[in-house]
Amino acid sequence: AFPRCGDPLAGSPSLTQSRHSLHLGDCVAALARYDRERRRDLGLAAERLRLARRHLGRITGHVGAEDVLDIIFRDFCVGK
């Protein structure tokens, strides 16, 4: 069913790019911070979940509005 990628249900997935590994590590770190903060500060906990989702999106190719704005402000110097 998956001639190019193999069967995703057959064993552990392998990360083929170092950036995937870095983003996954950052995602796990954000989730760990979420777990520590969720009882103390709901706002900070929500931010940790947002960061974790963003890191996963960088692996899967999902681009959010914040990513687009970051690129515009970084590359096109809007406001200067």
N, C-alpha and C. Protein backbone atom coordinates (compact mmCIF):
# COMPACT_ATOMS: atom_id res chain seq x y z
N ALA A 1 0.82 -1.20 0.00
CA ALA A 1 0.00 0.00 0.00
C ALA A 1 0.86 1.26 0.00
N PHE A 2 2.08 1.15 0.53
CA PHE A 2 2.97 2.29 0.61
C PHE A 2 4.30 1.95 -0.07
N PRO A 3 4.30 1.87 -1.40
CA PRO A 3 5.50 1.38 -2.09
C PRO A 3 6.73 2.27 -1.91
N ARG A 4 6.56 3.55 -1.74
CA ARG A 4 7.73 4.43 -1.62
C ARG A 4 8.21 4.58 -0.18
N CYS A 5 7.30 4.54 0.76
CA CYS A 5 7.66 4.82 2.15
C CYS A 5 7.66 3.60 3.04
N GLY A 6 7.12 2.50 2.58
CA GLY A 6 6.97 1.35 3.44
C GLY A 6 5.70 1.46 4.26
N ASP A 7 5.47 0.51 5.09
CA ASP A 7 4.27 0.48 5.93
C ASP A 7 4.56 1.22 7.22
N PRO A 8 3.87 2.34 7.48
CA PRO A 8 4.14 3.12 8.69
C PRO A 8 3.75 2.39 9.96
N LEU A 9 2.96 1.33 9.86
CA LEU A 9 2.56 0.59 11.05
C LEU A 9 3.51 -0.56 11.37
N ALA A 10 4.49 -0.78 10.53
CA ALA A 10 5.42 -1.90 10.72
C ALA A 10 6.70 -1.40 11.37
N GLY A 11 6.69 -1.27 12.67
CA GLY A 11 7.90 -0.89 13.39
C GLY A 11 7.99 0.60 13.64
N SER A 12 9.08 0.97 14.23
CA SER A 12 9.31 2.37 14.59
C SER A 12 9.71 3.18 13.37
N PRO A 13 9.21 4.40 13.28
CA PRO A 13 9.62 5.25 12.16
C PRO A 13 11.06 5.71 12.34
N SER A 14 11.73 5.95 11.25
CA SER A 14 13.09 6.47 11.35
C SER A 14 13.10 7.90 10.83
N LEU A 15 13.83 8.74 11.51
CA LEU A 15 13.95 10.13 11.10
C LEU A 15 15.12 10.23 10.15
N THR A 16 14.84 10.60 8.92
CA THR A 16 15.88 10.58 7.89
C THR A 16 16.66 11.88 7.81
N GLN A 17 16.17 12.93 8.42
CA GLN A 17 16.88 14.20 8.35
C GLN A 17 17.18 14.68 9.76
N SER A 18 18.34 15.28 9.94
CA SER A 18 18.73 15.74 11.27
C SER A 18 17.79 16.82 11.78
N ARG A 19 17.23 17.63 10.88
CA ARG A 19 16.31 18.67 11.34
C ARG A 19 15.04 18.06 11.92
N HIS A 20 14.62 16.90 11.40
CA HIS A 20 13.46 16.22 11.97
C HIS A 20 13.76 15.81 13.40
N SER A 21 14.93 15.28 13.61
CA SER A 21 15.33 14.86 14.96
C SER A 21 15.37 16.05 15.91
N LEU A 22 15.90 17.17 15.43
CA LEU A 22 15.96 18.37 16.28
C LEU A 22 14.57 18.88 16.63
N HIS A 23 13.68 18.94 15.65
CA HIS A 23 12.32 19.41 15.92
C HIS A 23 11.58 18.44 16.84
N LEU A 24 11.80 17.16 16.67
CA LEU A 24 11.15 16.20 17.55
C LEU A 24 11.65 16.36 18.99
N GLY A 25 12.94 16.58 19.13
CA GLY A 25 13.51 16.82 20.46
C GLY A 25 12.93 18.07 21.10
N ASP A 26 12.79 19.13 20.30
CA ASP A 26 12.20 20.37 20.81
C ASP A 26 10.73 20.17 21.18
N CYS A 27 10.04 19.35 20.41
CA CYS A 27 8.64 19.04 20.71
C CYS A 27 8.53 18.31 22.04
N VAL A 28 9.36 17.32 22.24
CA VAL A 28 9.35 16.55 23.49
C VAL A 28 9.68 17.47 24.67
N ALA A 29 10.64 18.37 24.50
CA ALA A 29 10.99 19.30 25.57
C ALA A 29 9.82 20.22 25.90
N ALA A 30 9.13 20.70 24.88
CA ALA A 30 7.97 21.57 25.11
C ALA A 30 6.87 20.82 25.85
N LEU A 31 6.67 19.55 25.49
CA LEU A 31 5.65 18.75 26.18
C LEU A 31 6.04 18.49 27.63
N ALA A 32 7.31 18.30 27.90
CA ALA A 32 7.77 18.11 29.28
C ALA A 32 7.52 19.37 30.10
N ARG A 33 7.80 20.54 29.50
CA ARG A 33 7.53 21.82 30.19
C ARG A 33 6.03 22.00 30.42
N TYR A 34 5.24 21.60 29.42
CA TYR A 34 3.78 21.66 29.58
C TYR A 34 3.35 20.85 30.80
N ASP A 35 3.89 19.65 30.92
CA ASP A 35 3.50 18.77 32.02
C ASP A 35 3.83 19.40 33.37
N ARG A 36 4.96 20.10 33.46
CA ARG A 36 5.35 20.75 34.72
C ARG A 36 4.49 21.99 35.01
N GLU A 37 4.06 22.70 33.98
CA GLU A 37 3.40 23.99 34.17
C GLU A 37 1.88 23.92 34.16
N ARG A 38 1.31 22.82 33.75
CA ARG A 38 -0.14 22.78 33.53
C ARG A 38 -0.95 23.02 34.80
N ARG A 39 -0.42 22.72 35.95
CA ARG A 39 -1.16 22.95 37.20
C ARG A 39 -0.92 24.33 37.77
N ARG A 40 0.16 24.98 37.36
CA ARG A 40 0.50 26.29 37.93
C ARG A 40 0.01 27.45 37.10
N ASP A 41 0.21 27.38 35.78
CA ASP A 41 -0.13 28.51 34.92
C ASP A 41 -0.67 27.98 33.61
N LEU A 42 -1.97 28.09 33.44
CA LEU A 42 -2.62 27.55 32.26
C LEU A 42 -2.16 28.27 30.99
N GLY A 43 -1.87 29.56 31.07
CA GLY A 43 -1.39 30.30 29.90
C GLY A 43 -0.04 29.80 29.41
N LEU A 44 0.88 29.60 30.35
CA LEU A 44 2.20 29.06 29.97
C LEU A 44 2.08 27.63 29.44
N ALA A 45 1.21 26.86 30.05
CA ALA A 45 1.01 25.48 29.59
C ALA A 45 0.48 25.48 28.15
N ALA A 46 -0.47 26.36 27.85
CA ALA A 46 -1.01 26.44 26.50
C ALA A 46 0.08 26.85 25.50
N GLU A 47 0.96 27.75 25.90
CA GLU A 47 2.07 28.16 25.04
C GLU A 47 2.99 26.99 24.75
N ARG A 48 3.24 26.14 25.73
CA ARG A 48 4.10 24.96 25.53
C ARG A 48 3.46 24.00 24.52
N LEU A 49 2.14 23.83 24.59
CA LEU A 49 1.47 22.97 23.62
C LEU A 49 1.54 23.57 22.22
N ARG A 50 1.41 24.88 22.13
CA ARG A 50 1.51 25.56 20.84
C ARG A 50 2.90 25.35 20.24
N LEU A 51 3.93 25.47 21.06
CA LEU A 51 5.30 25.25 20.58
C LEU A 51 5.51 23.80 20.13
N ALA A 52 4.98 22.87 20.91
CA ALA A 52 5.12 21.45 20.54
C ALA A 52 4.46 21.20 19.18
N ARG A 53 3.27 21.75 19.00
CA ARG A 53 2.55 21.59 17.72
C ARG A 53 3.32 22.23 16.57
N ARG A 54 3.92 23.37 16.84
CA ARG A 54 4.70 24.06 15.80
C ARG A 54 5.89 23.22 15.35
N HIS A 55 6.58 22.60 16.32
CA HIS A 55 7.73 21.76 15.97
C HIS A 55 7.29 20.54 15.16
N LEU A 56 6.16 19.95 15.52
CA LEU A 56 5.67 18.83 14.73
C LEU A 56 5.28 19.28 13.33
N GLY A 57 4.71 20.47 13.23
CA GLY A 57 4.33 21.01 11.92
C GLY A 57 5.53 21.23 11.03
N ARG A 58 6.66 21.55 11.62
CA ARG A 58 7.87 21.73 10.82
C ARG A 58 8.36 20.41 10.24
N ILE A 59 8.04 19.32 10.91
CA ILE A 59 8.41 18.01 10.39
C ILE A 59 7.44 17.59 9.28
N THR A 60 6.16 17.81 9.52
CA THR A 60 5.14 17.34 8.58
C THR A 60 4.91 18.27 7.41
N GLY A 61 5.46 19.48 7.48
CA GLY A 61 5.29 20.43 6.39
C GLY A 61 4.15 21.40 6.57
N HIS A 62 3.48 21.33 7.72
CA HIS A 62 2.39 22.27 7.99
C HIS A 62 2.98 23.65 8.28
N VAL A 63 2.49 24.65 7.58
CA VAL A 63 2.96 26.01 7.78
C VAL A 63 1.80 26.83 8.30
N GLY A 64 2.00 27.46 9.44
CA GLY A 64 0.96 28.28 10.04
C GLY A 64 1.16 29.76 9.75
N ALA A 65 0.20 30.54 10.15
CA ALA A 65 0.25 31.99 9.92
C ALA A 65 1.47 32.61 10.59
N GLU A 66 1.83 32.13 11.77
CA GLU A 66 3.00 32.68 12.47
C GLU A 66 4.27 32.45 11.68
N ASP A 67 4.38 31.30 11.05
CA ASP A 67 5.57 31.00 10.25
C ASP A 67 5.67 31.96 9.06
N VAL A 68 4.55 32.22 8.42
CA VAL A 68 4.54 33.14 7.28
C VAL A 68 4.92 34.54 7.74
N LEU A 69 4.36 34.99 8.85
CA LEU A 69 4.70 36.32 9.37
C LEU A 69 6.18 36.41 9.76
N ASP A 70 6.71 35.35 10.36
CA ASP A 70 8.14 35.34 10.72
C ASP A 70 9.00 35.53 9.48
N ILE A 71 8.66 34.86 8.39
CA ILE A 71 9.43 34.96 7.15
C ILE A 71 9.30 36.37 6.56
N ILE A 72 8.09 36.91 6.57
CA ILE A 72 7.90 38.26 6.02
C ILE A 72 8.72 39.28 6.78
N PHE A 73 8.64 39.25 8.10
CA PHE A 73 9.38 40.22 8.91
C PHE A 73 10.89 40.00 8.83
N ARG A 74 11.31 38.75 8.73
CA ARG A 74 12.74 38.46 8.66
C ARG A 74 13.33 38.82 7.30
N ASP A 75 12.64 38.39 6.22
CA ASP A 75 13.22 38.50 4.89
C ASP A 75 12.89 39.79 4.15
N PHE A 76 11.77 40.39 4.47
CA PHE A 76 11.35 41.57 3.71
C PHE A 76 11.43 42.86 4.51
N CYS A 77 11.86 42.77 5.75
CA CYS A 77 12.08 43.95 6.59
C CYS A 77 10.86 44.87 6.64
N VAL A 78 9.70 44.32 6.80
CA VAL A 78 8.48 45.13 6.90
C VAL A 78 8.59 46.01 8.14
N GLY A 79 8.28 47.27 7.99
CA GLY A 79 8.31 48.18 9.11
C GLY A 79 9.61 48.95 9.27
N LYS A 80 10.58 48.69 8.43
CA LYS A 80 11.84 49.44 8.52
C LYS A 80 11.84 50.59 7.57
